[in-house]
N, C-alpha and C. Protein backbone atom coordinates (compact mmCIF):
# COMPACT_ATOMS: atom_id res chain seq x y z
N MET A 1 12.96 -1.37 10.64
CA MET A 1 11.67 -0.72 10.54
C MET A 1 10.74 -1.17 11.64
N LEU A 2 10.83 -2.44 12.03
CA LEU A 2 9.91 -2.93 13.05
C LEU A 2 10.13 -2.24 14.39
N GLY A 3 11.32 -1.70 14.61
CA GLY A 3 11.57 -0.94 15.82
C GLY A 3 10.94 0.44 15.81
N LEU A 4 10.54 0.91 14.65
CA LEU A 4 9.96 2.25 14.53
C LEU A 4 8.44 2.26 14.70
N VAL A 5 7.80 1.14 14.42
CA VAL A 5 6.33 1.13 14.41
C VAL A 5 5.77 -0.09 15.12
N LYS A 6 4.53 0.03 15.49
CA LYS A 6 3.77 -1.10 16.00
C LYS A 6 2.94 -1.61 14.83
N VAL A 7 3.12 -2.86 14.48
CA VAL A 7 2.34 -3.44 13.39
C VAL A 7 0.96 -3.76 13.93
N LYS A 8 -0.06 -3.24 13.26
CA LYS A 8 -1.42 -3.45 13.73
C LYS A 8 -2.21 -4.27 12.73
N GLU A 9 -3.20 -4.96 13.23
CA GLU A 9 -4.07 -5.74 12.36
C GLU A 9 -5.03 -4.78 11.67
N SER A 10 -5.22 -4.96 10.40
CA SER A 10 -6.11 -4.08 9.64
C SER A 10 -7.20 -4.89 8.95
N ILE A 11 -8.36 -4.32 8.91
CA ILE A 11 -9.47 -4.90 8.17
C ILE A 11 -9.77 -3.96 7.01
N ILE A 12 -9.78 -4.50 5.81
CA ILE A 12 -10.04 -3.67 4.63
C ILE A 12 -11.55 -3.52 4.47
N THR A 13 -11.99 -2.27 4.47
CA THR A 13 -13.41 -1.97 4.33
C THR A 13 -13.71 -1.47 2.92
N VAL A 14 -14.98 -1.40 2.60
CA VAL A 14 -15.41 -0.86 1.31
C VAL A 14 -14.95 0.59 1.19
N GLU A 15 -15.03 1.34 2.29
CA GLU A 15 -14.62 2.74 2.28
C GLU A 15 -13.13 2.87 1.95
N MET A 16 -12.31 1.95 2.48
CA MET A 16 -10.87 1.97 2.18
C MET A 16 -10.63 1.69 0.69
N CYS A 17 -11.38 0.76 0.15
CA CYS A 17 -11.24 0.44 -1.28
C CYS A 17 -11.62 1.65 -2.14
N LEU A 18 -12.70 2.32 -1.77
CA LEU A 18 -13.11 3.51 -2.51
C LEU A 18 -12.09 4.64 -2.35
N GLY A 19 -11.55 4.79 -1.14
CA GLY A 19 -10.52 5.79 -0.90
C GLY A 19 -9.26 5.51 -1.72
N ALA A 20 -8.88 4.24 -1.79
CA ALA A 20 -7.71 3.85 -2.58
C ALA A 20 -7.95 4.15 -4.06
N ALA A 21 -9.14 3.83 -4.55
CA ALA A 21 -9.46 4.12 -5.95
C ALA A 21 -9.40 5.62 -6.21
N ASP A 22 -9.86 6.42 -5.25
CA ASP A 22 -9.82 7.87 -5.39
C ASP A 22 -8.37 8.38 -5.47
N LEU A 23 -7.50 7.83 -4.63
CA LEU A 23 -6.09 8.23 -4.67
C LEU A 23 -5.45 7.85 -6.01
N MET A 24 -5.83 6.70 -6.53
CA MET A 24 -5.30 6.26 -7.82
C MET A 24 -5.76 7.20 -8.94
N ASN A 25 -7.00 7.64 -8.88
CA ASN A 25 -7.55 8.52 -9.92
C ASN A 25 -7.03 9.95 -9.80
N LYS A 26 -7.06 10.51 -8.60
CA LYS A 26 -6.70 11.92 -8.41
C LYS A 26 -5.20 12.19 -8.40
N TYR A 27 -4.43 11.25 -7.82
CA TYR A 27 -3.01 11.52 -7.59
C TYR A 27 -2.08 10.54 -8.30
N ASN A 28 -2.64 9.66 -9.11
CA ASN A 28 -1.85 8.70 -9.87
C ASN A 28 -1.06 7.74 -8.96
N PHE A 29 -1.63 7.40 -7.81
CA PHE A 29 -1.02 6.41 -6.93
C PHE A 29 -1.08 5.04 -7.60
N THR A 30 -0.12 4.18 -7.29
CA THR A 30 -0.25 2.78 -7.68
C THR A 30 -1.23 2.14 -6.70
N ALA A 31 -1.74 0.97 -7.04
CA ALA A 31 -2.66 0.27 -6.14
C ALA A 31 -1.99 0.00 -4.79
N PHE A 32 -0.73 -0.43 -4.81
CA PHE A 32 -0.01 -0.71 -3.58
C PHE A 32 0.10 0.55 -2.71
N ASP A 33 0.53 1.66 -3.31
CA ASP A 33 0.68 2.91 -2.55
C ASP A 33 -0.66 3.40 -2.02
N ALA A 34 -1.71 3.26 -2.81
CA ALA A 34 -3.03 3.72 -2.39
C ALA A 34 -3.53 2.92 -1.19
N PHE A 35 -3.37 1.60 -1.23
CA PHE A 35 -3.81 0.79 -0.09
C PHE A 35 -2.92 1.00 1.12
N HIS A 36 -1.64 1.21 0.92
CA HIS A 36 -0.73 1.52 2.02
C HIS A 36 -1.21 2.79 2.72
N ALA A 37 -1.55 3.80 1.95
CA ALA A 37 -2.04 5.07 2.51
C ALA A 37 -3.36 4.87 3.26
N MET A 38 -4.25 4.08 2.70
CA MET A 38 -5.55 3.87 3.35
C MET A 38 -5.41 3.02 4.62
N LEU A 39 -4.56 2.01 4.58
CA LEU A 39 -4.41 1.13 5.73
C LEU A 39 -3.72 1.79 6.91
N CYS A 40 -2.95 2.84 6.67
CA CYS A 40 -2.31 3.52 7.80
C CYS A 40 -3.33 4.37 8.56
N GLU A 41 -4.51 4.59 7.97
CA GLU A 41 -5.62 5.29 8.60
C GLU A 41 -5.21 6.64 9.17
N GLY A 42 -4.42 7.40 8.41
CA GLY A 42 -4.03 8.74 8.83
C GLY A 42 -2.86 8.77 9.80
N ASP A 43 -2.36 7.60 10.19
CA ASP A 43 -1.21 7.53 11.08
C ASP A 43 0.05 7.82 10.29
N ILE A 44 1.18 7.85 10.93
CA ILE A 44 2.46 8.08 10.25
C ILE A 44 2.81 6.86 9.42
N ILE A 45 3.34 7.09 8.22
CA ILE A 45 3.71 6.02 7.31
C ILE A 45 5.22 6.00 7.15
N ILE A 46 5.80 4.82 6.97
CA ILE A 46 7.24 4.69 6.73
C ILE A 46 7.43 4.39 5.25
N SER A 47 8.13 5.29 4.55
CA SER A 47 8.31 5.10 3.12
C SER A 47 9.36 6.08 2.58
N SER A 48 10.00 5.66 1.52
CA SER A 48 10.90 6.57 0.81
C SER A 48 10.16 7.22 -0.37
N ASP A 49 8.92 6.83 -0.58
CA ASP A 49 8.13 7.32 -1.71
C ASP A 49 7.51 8.67 -1.38
N LYS A 50 7.86 9.69 -2.14
CA LYS A 50 7.39 11.05 -1.90
C LYS A 50 5.92 11.26 -2.30
N ILE A 51 5.32 10.27 -2.92
CA ILE A 51 3.93 10.43 -3.37
C ILE A 51 2.99 10.70 -2.20
N TYR A 52 3.33 10.17 -1.02
CA TYR A 52 2.47 10.37 0.15
C TYR A 52 2.45 11.83 0.59
N ASP A 53 3.49 12.57 0.25
CA ASP A 53 3.54 14.00 0.59
C ASP A 53 2.45 14.78 -0.15
N LYS A 54 2.02 14.27 -1.30
CA LYS A 54 0.97 14.94 -2.10
C LYS A 54 -0.34 15.06 -1.34
N ILE A 55 -0.60 14.10 -0.43
CA ILE A 55 -1.87 14.10 0.29
C ILE A 55 -1.70 14.52 1.74
N GLY A 56 -0.49 14.98 2.09
CA GLY A 56 -0.26 15.50 3.43
C GLY A 56 -0.11 14.43 4.51
N LEU A 57 0.17 13.21 4.10
CA LEU A 57 0.36 12.12 5.06
C LEU A 57 1.72 12.28 5.72
N LYS A 58 1.76 12.19 7.05
CA LYS A 58 3.04 12.28 7.76
C LYS A 58 3.84 11.03 7.42
N ARG A 59 5.13 11.25 7.10
CA ARG A 59 5.96 10.15 6.59
C ARG A 59 7.30 10.13 7.28
N VAL A 60 7.72 8.95 7.78
CA VAL A 60 9.08 8.74 8.23
C VAL A 60 9.87 8.41 6.97
N LYS A 61 10.83 9.25 6.67
CA LYS A 61 11.58 9.11 5.43
C LYS A 61 12.73 8.12 5.62
N ILE A 62 12.60 6.96 4.98
CA ILE A 62 13.61 5.91 5.12
C ILE A 62 14.98 6.42 4.68
N GLU A 63 14.99 7.25 3.63
CA GLU A 63 16.26 7.74 3.10
C GLU A 63 17.03 8.57 4.14
N GLU A 64 16.35 9.12 5.12
CA GLU A 64 17.02 9.90 6.16
C GLU A 64 17.47 9.03 7.33
N ARG A 65 17.01 7.78 7.37
CA ARG A 65 17.33 6.87 8.46
C ARG A 65 18.52 5.97 8.15
N ILE A 66 18.95 5.99 6.89
CA ILE A 66 20.04 5.09 6.48
C ILE A 66 21.38 5.70 6.79
């Protein structure tokens, strides 16, 4: 996975926390999935979890890379 992405430093803001809470309420995201979505800041996410498709987040599907 590290060959697919550049790991960037992230700072969690109040807006990210509110956005994560919104994803948890509207789309039944877990806290982990909600923060993962917020921390990617609209960039492509690497995950096998289809929940990100609900919000239109571009996703590298791990299941297709194996």
